[in-house]
Amino acid sequence: MVVPVLLLIPSLVGVAAALLIPGYADLILLAGPCAIAALILCLRAALTREAPAPDWILIDGSNVMHWKDNTPQIDTLREVIAHLGDLRRAPAVIFDANAGYLLAGRYQDDRVMARALGLPENRVLVVPRGTIADSYLLAVARDHDAPIVTNDRYRDWADDYPEVAEPGRLIRGGYRGGALWLDGIGAPALA
């Protein structure tokens, strides 16, 4: 947007000079089309502005769903998602394949879990059966340079994913006195 504005300003000065200063009328032949072109570029830049990239944060769904009373609960995840949304973060959740069984007594795929969490389906992943969600979580976190909300330390994965030792990469949380807390991320949510 800076370049079109820098082109527009001198073009408008040229048009003004052509209209106001005697003997400079021919300058309108150059400054006029330049001003129109620069104005079109300014409008185009203003209308096609790209949205900023989301501030991704991953949630270890199979870990976080146990935070309240050590019992798997979808409401716990919803509360964490709402809190992260209030902080202008873009949460995505990755689950082990058995998460649906723990929450509802039956398998639940990405679509069902996304609907239960109030998230778009492209922000929820239930990993395939027989696969460990940790490898997916850590790979996605690396690809998007995103932190993970979890109480897991991923010590078994530290050789392959040394970034788990970086401060702020793994965000611990839980409940104290019924109130959600997330270590190092905004103020605690209210219960």
N, C-alpha and C. Protein backbone atom coordinates (compact mmCIF):
# COMPACT_ATOMS: atom_id res chain seq x y z
N MET A 1 0.82 -1.19 0.00
CA MET A 1 0.00 0.00 0.00
C MET A 1 0.87 1.25 0.00
N VAL A 2 2.09 1.16 0.49
CA VAL A 2 2.97 2.32 0.57
C VAL A 2 3.36 2.81 -0.83
N VAL A 3 3.71 1.90 -1.72
CA VAL A 3 4.16 2.29 -3.06
C VAL A 3 3.06 3.02 -3.84
N PRO A 4 1.82 2.51 -3.87
CA PRO A 4 0.78 3.26 -4.59
C PRO A 4 0.56 4.67 -4.01
N VAL A 5 0.65 4.82 -2.71
CA VAL A 5 0.48 6.14 -2.10
C VAL A 5 1.65 7.05 -2.50
N LEU A 6 2.86 6.49 -2.52
CA LEU A 6 4.02 7.28 -2.93
C LEU A 6 3.93 7.70 -4.40
N LEU A 7 3.28 6.92 -5.21
CA LEU A 7 3.05 7.29 -6.61
C LEU A 7 1.91 8.31 -6.74
N LEU A 8 0.91 8.16 -5.90
CA LEU A 8 -0.26 9.03 -5.98
C LEU A 8 0.06 10.47 -5.59
N ILE A 9 0.84 10.65 -4.55
CA ILE A 9 1.13 12.01 -4.04
C ILE A 9 1.80 12.89 -5.10
N PRO A 10 2.93 12.48 -5.70
CA PRO A 10 3.53 13.36 -6.71
C PRO A 10 2.65 13.53 -7.96
N SER A 11 1.87 12.51 -8.27
CA SER A 11 0.96 12.63 -9.42
C SER A 11 -0.08 13.71 -9.15
N LEU A 12 -0.63 13.73 -7.94
CA LEU A 12 -1.62 14.76 -7.59
C LEU A 12 -0.99 16.15 -7.55
N VAL A 13 0.26 16.21 -7.08
CA VAL A 13 0.97 17.50 -7.09
C VAL A 13 1.15 17.97 -8.53
N GLY A 14 1.48 17.05 -9.45
CA GLY A 14 1.62 17.39 -10.87
C GLY A 14 0.31 17.87 -11.48
N VAL A 15 -0.79 17.22 -11.13
CA VAL A 15 -2.10 17.64 -11.63
C VAL A 15 -2.43 19.03 -11.10
N ALA A 16 -2.19 19.26 -9.81
CA ALA A 16 -2.45 20.58 -9.22
C ALA A 16 -1.61 21.65 -9.90
N ALA A 17 -0.34 21.34 -10.15
CA ALA A 17 0.54 22.32 -10.81
C ALA A 17 0.04 22.61 -12.21
N ALA A 18 -0.40 21.58 -12.94
CA ALA A 18 -0.89 21.77 -14.31
C ALA A 18 -2.15 22.64 -14.33
N LEU A 19 -2.98 22.50 -13.32
CA LEU A 19 -4.23 23.26 -13.28
C LEU A 19 -4.06 24.67 -12.72
N LEU A 20 -3.08 24.88 -11.85
CA LEU A 20 -2.98 26.16 -11.14
C LEU A 20 -1.86 27.08 -11.62
N ILE A 21 -0.82 26.54 -12.18
CA ILE A 21 0.33 27.37 -12.57
C ILE A 21 0.30 27.59 -14.09
N PRO A 22 0.22 28.85 -14.52
CA PRO A 22 0.21 29.13 -15.96
C PRO A 22 1.50 28.61 -16.62
N GLY A 23 1.36 28.05 -17.79
CA GLY A 23 2.51 27.54 -18.54
C GLY A 23 2.81 26.08 -18.24
N TYR A 24 2.15 25.45 -17.25
CA TYR A 24 2.38 24.04 -16.91
C TYR A 24 1.19 23.17 -17.31
N ALA A 25 0.31 23.67 -18.17
CA ALA A 25 -0.90 22.94 -18.56
C ALA A 25 -0.57 21.60 -19.22
N ASP A 26 0.53 21.52 -19.95
CA ASP A 26 0.88 20.27 -20.63
C ASP A 26 1.26 19.15 -19.65
N LEU A 27 1.60 19.52 -18.44
CA LEU A 27 1.96 18.52 -17.42
C LEU A 27 0.77 17.60 -17.11
N ILE A 28 -0.44 18.06 -17.37
CA ILE A 28 -1.62 17.24 -17.13
C ILE A 28 -1.60 15.97 -17.97
N LEU A 29 -0.93 16.00 -19.15
CA LEU A 29 -0.85 14.83 -20.01
C LEU A 29 -0.05 13.70 -19.37
N LEU A 30 0.86 14.03 -18.52
CA LEU A 30 1.67 13.03 -17.81
C LEU A 30 1.11 12.76 -16.41
N ALA A 31 0.83 13.83 -15.67
CA ALA A 31 0.41 13.68 -14.28
C ALA A 31 -1.01 13.10 -14.17
N GLY A 32 -1.91 13.44 -15.09
CA GLY A 32 -3.29 12.95 -15.03
C GLY A 32 -3.37 11.43 -15.09
N PRO A 33 -2.82 10.80 -16.15
CA PRO A 33 -2.87 9.32 -16.20
C PRO A 33 -2.11 8.66 -15.04
N CYS A 34 -1.01 9.27 -14.60
CA CYS A 34 -0.26 8.72 -13.46
C CYS A 34 -1.12 8.75 -12.20
N ALA A 35 -1.86 9.85 -11.99
CA ALA A 35 -2.71 9.98 -10.80
C ALA A 35 -3.84 8.94 -10.85
N ILE A 36 -4.42 8.75 -12.03
CA ILE A 36 -5.50 7.76 -12.16
C ILE A 36 -4.95 6.35 -11.90
N ALA A 37 -3.83 6.03 -12.48
CA ALA A 37 -3.23 4.70 -12.28
C ALA A 37 -2.87 4.47 -10.82
N ALA A 38 -2.29 5.49 -10.17
CA ALA A 38 -1.92 5.36 -8.76
C ALA A 38 -3.16 5.21 -7.89
N LEU A 39 -4.24 5.90 -8.21
CA LEU A 39 -5.49 5.79 -7.46
C LEU A 39 -6.07 4.38 -7.61
N ILE A 40 -6.02 3.84 -8.82
CA ILE A 40 -6.49 2.46 -9.04
C ILE A 40 -5.65 1.48 -8.23
N LEU A 41 -4.33 1.67 -8.20
CA LEU A 41 -3.47 0.80 -7.40
C LEU A 41 -3.78 0.91 -5.91
N CYS A 42 -4.05 2.12 -5.43
CA CYS A 42 -4.41 2.32 -4.02
C CYS A 42 -5.70 1.60 -3.68
N LEU A 43 -6.71 1.75 -4.52
CA LEU A 43 -8.00 1.07 -4.29
C LEU A 43 -7.84 -0.44 -4.33
N ARG A 44 -7.08 -0.92 -5.28
CA ARG A 44 -6.86 -2.36 -5.39
C ARG A 44 -6.14 -2.90 -4.16
N ALA A 45 -5.14 -2.17 -3.69
CA ALA A 45 -4.40 -2.60 -2.49
C ALA A 45 -5.31 -2.59 -1.27
N ALA A 46 -6.18 -1.61 -1.16
CA ALA A 46 -7.08 -1.51 -0.02
C ALA A 46 -8.12 -2.63 -0.03
N LEU A 47 -8.59 -3.01 -1.21
CA LEU A 47 -9.64 -4.02 -1.32
C LEU A 47 -9.11 -5.46 -1.23
N THR A 48 -7.85 -5.67 -1.56
CA THR A 48 -7.30 -7.03 -1.56
C THR A 48 -6.36 -7.28 -0.40
N ARG A 49 -6.50 -6.53 0.64
CA ARG A 49 -5.65 -6.71 1.80
C ARG A 49 -5.82 -8.11 2.37
N GLU A 50 -4.73 -8.80 2.57
CA GLU A 50 -4.80 -10.16 3.10
C GLU A 50 -5.03 -10.12 4.60
N ALA A 51 -5.82 -11.09 5.05
CA ALA A 51 -6.05 -11.22 6.49
C ALA A 51 -4.75 -11.69 7.14
N PRO A 52 -4.48 -11.22 8.33
CA PRO A 52 -3.26 -11.69 9.00
C PRO A 52 -3.35 -13.19 9.29
N ALA A 53 -2.22 -13.84 9.29
CA ALA A 53 -2.18 -15.27 9.57
C ALA A 53 -2.70 -15.52 10.99
N PRO A 54 -3.45 -16.60 11.18
CA PRO A 54 -3.97 -16.88 12.52
C PRO A 54 -2.85 -17.15 13.51
N ASP A 55 -3.11 -16.79 14.74
CA ASP A 55 -2.16 -17.05 15.83
C ASP A 55 -2.52 -18.43 16.40
N TRP A 56 -2.02 -19.47 15.73
CA TRP A 56 -2.40 -20.84 16.07
C TRP A 56 -1.92 -21.25 17.45
N ILE A 57 -2.73 -22.06 18.08
CA ILE A 57 -2.35 -22.72 19.32
C ILE A 57 -3.02 -24.09 19.29
N LEU A 58 -2.26 -25.13 19.52
CA LEU A 58 -2.77 -26.49 19.48
C LEU A 58 -3.19 -26.93 20.87
N ILE A 59 -4.18 -27.78 20.91
CA ILE A 59 -4.65 -28.34 22.18
C ILE A 59 -4.52 -29.85 22.09
N ASP A 60 -3.85 -30.43 23.06
CA ASP A 60 -3.76 -31.88 23.19
C ASP A 60 -5.09 -32.32 23.79
N GLY A 61 -6.08 -32.59 22.93
CA GLY A 61 -7.44 -32.87 23.38
C GLY A 61 -7.52 -34.03 24.34
N SER A 62 -6.76 -35.09 24.10
CA SER A 62 -6.82 -36.27 24.96
C SER A 62 -6.24 -35.99 26.33
N ASN A 63 -5.37 -35.00 26.45
CA ASN A 63 -4.81 -34.61 27.74
C ASN A 63 -5.73 -33.62 28.45
N VAL A 64 -6.12 -32.58 27.74
CA VAL A 64 -6.88 -31.48 28.34
C VAL A 64 -8.26 -31.94 28.80
N MET A 65 -8.89 -32.89 28.11
CA MET A 65 -10.23 -33.30 28.50
C MET A 65 -10.27 -33.94 29.89
N HIS A 66 -9.12 -34.30 30.45
CA HIS A 66 -9.04 -34.88 31.80
C HIS A 66 -8.73 -33.85 32.89
N TRP A 67 -8.55 -32.60 32.54
CA TRP A 67 -8.09 -31.61 33.51
C TRP A 67 -9.05 -31.39 34.68
N LYS A 68 -10.33 -31.46 34.44
CA LYS A 68 -11.30 -31.19 35.51
C LYS A 68 -11.70 -32.51 36.14
N ASP A 69 -11.40 -32.68 37.39
CA ASP A 69 -11.78 -33.87 38.18
C ASP A 69 -11.18 -35.16 37.63
N ASN A 70 -10.14 -35.07 36.83
CA ASN A 70 -9.48 -36.26 36.26
C ASN A 70 -10.46 -37.16 35.51
N THR A 71 -11.51 -36.56 34.97
CA THR A 71 -12.54 -37.28 34.23
C THR A 71 -12.64 -36.68 32.83
N PRO A 72 -12.68 -37.51 31.79
CA PRO A 72 -12.79 -36.94 30.44
C PRO A 72 -14.12 -36.21 30.25
N GLN A 73 -14.01 -34.91 29.92
CA GLN A 73 -15.21 -34.07 29.75
C GLN A 73 -15.02 -33.14 28.55
N ILE A 74 -16.02 -33.11 27.68
CA ILE A 74 -15.97 -32.22 26.52
C ILE A 74 -16.08 -30.76 26.97
N ASP A 75 -16.78 -30.51 28.07
CA ASP A 75 -16.94 -29.14 28.57
C ASP A 75 -15.61 -28.51 28.96
N THR A 76 -14.69 -29.32 29.44
CA THR A 76 -13.36 -28.82 29.79
C THR A 76 -12.68 -28.27 28.53
N LEU A 77 -12.75 -29.01 27.45
CA LEU A 77 -12.16 -28.55 26.19
C LEU A 77 -12.86 -27.30 25.68
N ARG A 78 -14.18 -27.27 25.77
CA ARG A 78 -14.92 -26.08 25.32
C ARG A 78 -14.49 -24.84 26.10
N GLU A 79 -14.28 -24.99 27.39
CA GLU A 79 -13.87 -23.85 28.21
C GLU A 79 -12.47 -23.36 27.82
N VAL A 80 -11.56 -24.28 27.59
CA VAL A 80 -10.20 -23.92 27.17
C VAL A 80 -10.25 -23.23 25.79
N ILE A 81 -11.04 -23.79 24.87
CA ILE A 81 -11.18 -23.20 23.53
C ILE A 81 -11.75 -21.79 23.62
N ALA A 82 -12.78 -21.60 24.43
CA ALA A 82 -13.39 -20.27 24.59
C ALA A 82 -12.39 -19.29 25.17
N HIS A 83 -11.62 -19.73 26.15
CA HIS A 83 -10.62 -18.85 26.77
C HIS A 83 -9.56 -18.44 25.76
N LEU A 84 -9.08 -19.39 24.98
CA LEU A 84 -8.07 -19.07 23.96
C LEU A 84 -8.66 -18.15 22.89
N GLY A 85 -9.90 -18.37 22.53
CA GLY A 85 -10.57 -17.48 21.57
C GLY A 85 -10.68 -16.06 22.10
N ASP A 86 -10.97 -15.93 23.41
CA ASP A 86 -11.04 -14.60 24.04
C ASP A 86 -9.69 -13.90 23.97
N LEU A 87 -8.62 -14.68 23.93
CA LEU A 87 -7.26 -14.13 23.86
C LEU A 87 -6.81 -13.95 22.41
N ARG A 88 -7.74 -14.07 21.47
CA ARG A 88 -7.46 -13.88 20.04
C ARG A 88 -6.50 -14.93 19.49
N ARG A 89 -6.55 -16.12 20.03
CA ARG A 89 -5.75 -17.23 19.52
C ARG A 89 -6.66 -18.12 18.67
N ALA A 90 -6.09 -18.84 17.74
CA ALA A 90 -6.84 -19.74 16.86
C ALA A 90 -6.57 -21.17 17.31
N PRO A 91 -7.44 -21.73 18.16
CA PRO A 91 -7.20 -23.08 18.67
C PRO A 91 -7.53 -24.17 17.66
N ALA A 92 -6.72 -25.21 17.68
CA ALA A 92 -6.98 -26.43 16.92
C ALA A 92 -6.74 -27.58 17.89
N VAL A 93 -7.51 -28.65 17.75
CA VAL A 93 -7.47 -29.75 18.73
C VAL A 93 -7.10 -31.05 18.02
N ILE A 94 -6.19 -31.79 18.62
CA ILE A 94 -5.81 -33.11 18.10
C ILE A 94 -6.07 -34.14 19.21
N PHE A 95 -6.78 -35.21 18.83
CA PHE A 95 -7.18 -36.26 19.77
C PHE A 95 -6.57 -37.60 19.40
N ASP A 96 -6.38 -38.46 20.41
CA ASP A 96 -6.12 -39.88 20.17
C ASP A 96 -7.41 -40.49 19.60
N ALA A 97 -7.30 -41.61 18.91
CA ALA A 97 -8.45 -42.25 18.28
C ALA A 97 -9.51 -42.68 19.29
N ASN A 98 -9.11 -42.95 20.54
CA ASN A 98 -10.06 -43.44 21.54
C ASN A 98 -10.81 -42.33 22.28
N ALA A 99 -10.60 -41.08 21.92
CA ALA A 99 -11.22 -39.97 22.64
C ALA A 99 -12.74 -40.07 22.65
N GLY A 100 -13.34 -40.43 21.53
CA GLY A 100 -14.79 -40.56 21.47
C GLY A 100 -15.32 -41.62 22.42
N TYR A 101 -14.59 -42.73 22.52
CA TYR A 101 -15.00 -43.78 23.45
C TYR A 101 -14.96 -43.27 24.89
N LEU A 102 -13.93 -42.50 25.22
CA LEU A 102 -13.81 -41.98 26.58
C LEU A 102 -14.89 -40.94 26.89
N LEU A 103 -15.26 -40.15 25.89
CA LEU A 103 -16.24 -39.08 26.09
C LEU A 103 -17.69 -39.55 25.93
N ALA A 104 -17.93 -40.44 24.97
CA ALA A 104 -19.31 -40.78 24.64
C ALA A 104 -19.57 -42.29 24.52
N GLY A 105 -18.56 -43.12 24.79
CA GLY A 105 -18.76 -44.55 24.73
C GLY A 105 -18.76 -45.13 23.32
N ARG A 106 -18.39 -44.33 22.32
CA ARG A 106 -18.33 -44.81 20.93
C ARG A 106 -17.31 -43.96 20.17
N TYR A 107 -16.88 -44.50 19.01
CA TYR A 107 -15.92 -43.76 18.18
C TYR A 107 -16.57 -42.48 17.67
N GLN A 108 -15.81 -41.40 17.68
CA GLN A 108 -16.26 -40.12 17.13
C GLN A 108 -15.16 -39.58 16.23
N ASP A 109 -15.53 -39.25 14.98
CA ASP A 109 -14.55 -38.76 14.02
C ASP A 109 -14.38 -37.24 14.14
N ASP A 110 -13.56 -36.68 13.25
CA ASP A 110 -13.26 -35.24 13.26
C ASP A 110 -14.53 -34.40 13.23
N ARG A 111 -15.45 -34.78 12.34
CA ARG A 111 -16.67 -33.98 12.16
C ARG A 111 -17.50 -33.94 13.43
N VAL A 112 -17.70 -35.09 14.06
CA VAL A 112 -18.51 -35.17 15.28
C VAL A 112 -17.83 -34.40 16.41
N MET A 113 -16.53 -34.58 16.56
CA MET A 113 -15.80 -33.89 17.63
C MET A 113 -15.80 -32.38 17.39
N ALA A 114 -15.63 -31.97 16.14
CA ALA A 114 -15.63 -30.54 15.82
C ALA A 114 -16.98 -29.92 16.18
N ARG A 115 -18.06 -30.60 15.83
CA ARG A 115 -19.39 -30.09 16.15
C ARG A 115 -19.57 -29.99 17.66
N ALA A 116 -19.12 -30.99 18.40
CA ALA A 116 -19.25 -30.97 19.86
C ALA A 116 -18.45 -29.83 20.49
N LEU A 117 -17.34 -29.46 19.84
CA LEU A 117 -16.49 -28.40 20.38
C LEU A 117 -16.85 -27.01 19.84
N GLY A 118 -17.70 -26.96 18.83
CA GLY A 118 -18.05 -25.67 18.24
C GLY A 118 -16.92 -25.09 17.39
N LEU A 119 -16.11 -25.97 16.81
CA LEU A 119 -15.01 -25.55 15.95
C LEU A 119 -15.26 -26.01 14.52
N PRO A 120 -14.66 -25.32 13.54
CA PRO A 120 -14.73 -25.84 12.17
C PRO A 120 -14.03 -27.20 12.09
N GLU A 121 -14.50 -28.06 11.21
CA GLU A 121 -13.94 -29.41 11.10
C GLU A 121 -12.45 -29.40 10.77
N ASN A 122 -11.99 -28.37 10.04
CA ASN A 122 -10.57 -28.33 9.68
C ASN A 122 -9.67 -27.94 10.85
N ARG A 123 -10.25 -27.73 12.03
CA ARG A 123 -9.45 -27.43 13.21
C ARG A 123 -9.46 -28.56 14.24
N VAL A 124 -10.00 -29.69 13.86
CA VAL A 124 -10.07 -30.84 14.76
C VAL A 124 -9.57 -32.07 14.02
N LEU A 125 -8.72 -32.83 14.69
CA LEU A 125 -8.20 -34.06 14.10
C LEU A 125 -8.27 -35.17 15.14
N VAL A 126 -8.93 -36.26 14.76
CA VAL A 126 -8.88 -37.49 15.54
C VAL A 126 -7.93 -38.38 14.75
N VAL A 127 -6.80 -38.72 15.35
CA VAL A 127 -5.79 -39.48 14.60
C VAL A 127 -6.29 -40.89 14.32
N PRO A 128 -5.77 -41.53 13.28
CA PRO A 128 -6.20 -42.89 12.95
C PRO A 128 -5.91 -43.86 14.09
N ARG A 129 -6.73 -44.90 14.18
CA ARG A 129 -6.57 -45.92 15.21
C ARG A 129 -5.19 -46.55 15.08
N GLY A 130 -4.56 -46.79 16.21
CA GLY A 130 -3.23 -47.38 16.22
C GLY A 130 -2.11 -46.36 16.06
N THR A 131 -2.47 -45.08 16.00
CA THR A 131 -1.49 -44.01 15.84
C THR A 131 -1.46 -43.19 17.11
N ILE A 132 -0.28 -42.76 17.48
CA ILE A 132 -0.14 -41.92 18.68
C ILE A 132 -0.32 -40.46 18.27
N ALA A 133 -1.21 -39.77 18.95
CA ALA A 133 -1.50 -38.37 18.62
C ALA A 133 -0.30 -37.47 18.85
N ASP A 134 0.60 -37.86 19.75
CA ASP A 134 1.75 -37.01 20.07
C ASP A 134 2.56 -36.66 18.83
N SER A 135 2.80 -37.62 17.95
CA SER A 135 3.60 -37.35 16.75
C SER A 135 2.90 -36.34 15.85
N TYR A 136 1.58 -36.43 15.75
CA TYR A 136 0.82 -35.46 14.95
C TYR A 136 0.91 -34.07 15.59
N LEU A 137 0.65 -34.02 16.89
CA LEU A 137 0.70 -32.74 17.60
C LEU A 137 2.04 -32.05 17.43
N LEU A 138 3.10 -32.79 17.63
CA LEU A 138 4.43 -32.19 17.57
C LEU A 138 4.81 -31.78 16.15
N ALA A 139 4.40 -32.56 15.16
CA ALA A 139 4.70 -32.20 13.77
C ALA A 139 3.91 -30.96 13.35
N VAL A 140 2.64 -30.88 13.71
CA VAL A 140 1.83 -29.71 13.36
C VAL A 140 2.35 -28.47 14.10
N ALA A 141 2.71 -28.65 15.37
CA ALA A 141 3.25 -27.53 16.14
C ALA A 141 4.53 -27.01 15.49
N ARG A 142 5.36 -27.90 15.02
CA ARG A 142 6.60 -27.48 14.35
C ARG A 142 6.28 -26.77 13.03
N ASP A 143 5.38 -27.33 12.25
CA ASP A 143 5.04 -26.74 10.95
C ASP A 143 4.45 -25.35 11.07
N HIS A 144 3.68 -25.12 12.13
CA HIS A 144 3.01 -23.82 12.30
C HIS A 144 3.65 -22.96 13.39
N ASP A 145 4.76 -23.42 13.93
CA ASP A 145 5.44 -22.72 15.01
C ASP A 145 4.44 -22.34 16.10
N ALA A 146 3.64 -23.32 16.49
CA ALA A 146 2.56 -23.10 17.45
C ALA A 146 2.84 -23.79 18.77
N PRO A 147 2.44 -23.17 19.87
CA PRO A 147 2.55 -23.84 21.17
C PRO A 147 1.46 -24.90 21.31
N ILE A 148 1.62 -25.77 22.29
CA ILE A 148 0.65 -26.83 22.58
C ILE A 148 0.17 -26.68 24.01
N VAL A 149 -1.14 -26.66 24.18
CA VAL A 149 -1.73 -26.65 25.52
C VAL A 149 -1.84 -28.09 25.97
N THR A 150 -1.09 -28.45 27.00
CA THR A 150 -1.03 -29.83 27.48
C THR A 150 -0.27 -29.87 28.80
N ASN A 151 -0.47 -30.92 29.55
CA ASN A 151 0.37 -31.15 30.72
C ASN A 151 1.38 -32.26 30.45
N ASP A 152 1.37 -32.77 29.24
CA ASP A 152 2.36 -33.77 28.82
C ASP A 152 3.68 -33.04 28.55
N ARG A 153 4.78 -33.63 28.91
CA ARG A 153 6.10 -33.02 28.68
C ARG A 153 6.77 -33.57 27.43
N TYR A 154 6.24 -34.61 26.82
CA TYR A 154 6.76 -35.22 25.58
C TYR A 154 8.24 -35.59 25.70
N ARG A 155 8.64 -36.09 26.85
CA ARG A 155 10.05 -36.45 27.05
C ARG A 155 10.51 -37.54 26.08
N ASP A 156 9.61 -38.46 25.72
CA ASP A 156 9.97 -39.53 24.79
C ASP A 156 10.22 -39.01 23.38
N TRP A 157 9.78 -37.79 23.11
CA TRP A 157 9.89 -37.20 21.77
C TRP A 157 10.95 -36.11 21.70
N ALA A 158 11.63 -35.83 22.79
CA ALA A 158 12.56 -34.70 22.86
C ALA A 158 13.71 -34.80 21.86
N ASP A 159 14.15 -36.01 21.54
CA ASP A 159 15.25 -36.15 20.56
C ASP A 159 14.80 -35.73 19.16
N ASP A 160 13.58 -36.12 18.79
CA ASP A 160 13.06 -35.80 17.46
C ASP A 160 12.49 -34.37 17.39
N TYR A 161 12.01 -33.88 18.52
CA TYR A 161 11.40 -32.55 18.58
C TYR A 161 12.02 -31.76 19.74
N PRO A 162 13.26 -31.32 19.59
CA PRO A 162 13.93 -30.63 20.69
C PRO A 162 13.25 -29.32 21.10
N GLU A 163 12.39 -28.77 20.22
CA GLU A 163 11.71 -27.53 20.56
C GLU A 163 10.76 -27.67 21.74
N VAL A 164 10.41 -28.90 22.14
CA VAL A 164 9.52 -29.06 23.30
C VAL A 164 10.16 -28.52 24.57
N ALA A 165 11.48 -28.37 24.55
CA ALA A 165 12.17 -27.82 25.72
C ALA A 165 12.22 -26.30 25.73
N GLU A 166 11.80 -25.67 24.61
CA GLU A 166 11.82 -24.20 24.54
C GLU A 166 10.74 -23.61 25.45
N PRO A 167 11.05 -22.52 26.15
CA PRO A 167 10.04 -21.88 26.98
C PRO A 167 8.84 -21.42 26.14
N GLY A 168 7.65 -21.68 26.65
CA GLY A 168 6.44 -21.24 25.97
C GLY A 168 5.93 -22.20 24.92
N ARG A 169 6.67 -23.25 24.61
CA ARG A 169 6.24 -24.21 23.59
C ARG A 169 5.13 -25.11 24.13
N LEU A 170 5.26 -25.54 25.36
CA LEU A 170 4.24 -26.37 26.00
C LEU A 170 3.59 -25.56 27.11
N ILE A 171 2.29 -25.38 27.03
CA ILE A 171 1.56 -24.55 27.98
C ILE A 171 0.76 -25.46 28.90
N ARG A 172 1.17 -25.45 30.16
CA ARG A 172 0.48 -26.26 31.17
C ARG A 172 -0.79 -25.56 31.61
N GLY A 173 -1.70 -26.32 32.17
CA GLY A 173 -2.94 -25.73 32.65
C GLY A 173 -3.68 -26.69 33.55
N GLY A 174 -4.86 -26.26 33.94
CA GLY A 174 -5.70 -27.08 34.79
C GLY A 174 -6.73 -26.21 35.49
N TYR A 175 -7.19 -26.70 36.64
CA TYR A 175 -8.20 -25.99 37.42
C TYR A 175 -7.73 -25.86 38.86
N ARG A 176 -7.90 -24.67 39.39
CA ARG A 176 -7.63 -24.39 40.81
C ARG A 176 -8.86 -23.72 41.38
N GLY A 177 -9.42 -24.31 42.39
CA GLY A 177 -10.63 -23.73 42.98
C GLY A 177 -11.75 -23.59 41.97
N GLY A 178 -11.81 -24.50 41.00
CA GLY A 178 -12.85 -24.47 39.98
C GLY A 178 -12.59 -23.51 38.83
N ALA A 179 -11.47 -22.77 38.88
CA ALA A 179 -11.16 -21.79 37.83
C ALA A 179 -10.05 -22.33 36.92
N LEU A 180 -10.23 -22.13 35.63
CA LEU A 180 -9.23 -22.53 34.64
C LEU A 180 -8.00 -21.65 34.75
N TRP A 181 -6.83 -22.27 34.65
CA TRP A 181 -5.58 -21.50 34.55
C TRP A 181 -4.74 -22.09 33.42
N LEU A 182 -4.08 -21.22 32.72
CA LEU A 182 -3.13 -21.62 31.68
C LEU A 182 -1.83 -20.89 31.97
N ASP A 183 -0.77 -21.63 32.09
CA ASP A 183 0.52 -21.07 32.47
C ASP A 183 1.08 -20.17 31.36
N GLY A 184 1.24 -18.89 31.68
CA GLY A 184 1.88 -17.96 30.77
C GLY A 184 1.03 -17.47 29.63
N ILE A 185 -0.29 -17.65 29.70
CA ILE A 185 -1.14 -17.20 28.61
C ILE A 185 -2.32 -16.42 29.19
N GLY A 186 -2.26 -15.12 29.13
CA GLY A 186 -3.36 -14.27 29.58
C GLY A 186 -3.75 -14.48 31.02
N ALA A 187 -4.77 -13.79 31.43
CA ALA A 187 -5.29 -13.92 32.79
C ALA A 187 -6.13 -15.19 32.90
N PRO A 188 -6.25 -15.76 34.08
CA PRO A 188 -7.06 -16.96 34.22
C PRO A 188 -8.52 -16.67 33.88
N ALA A 189 -9.15 -17.66 33.30
CA ALA A 189 -10.58 -17.52 32.99
C ALA A 189 -11.38 -17.67 34.27
N LEU A 190 -12.56 -17.16 34.25
CA LEU A 190 -13.45 -17.33 35.41
C LEU A 190 -14.26 -18.59 35.24
N ALA A 191 -14.52 -19.27 36.35
CA ALA A 191 -15.28 -20.51 36.29
C ALA A 191 -16.75 -20.23 36.06
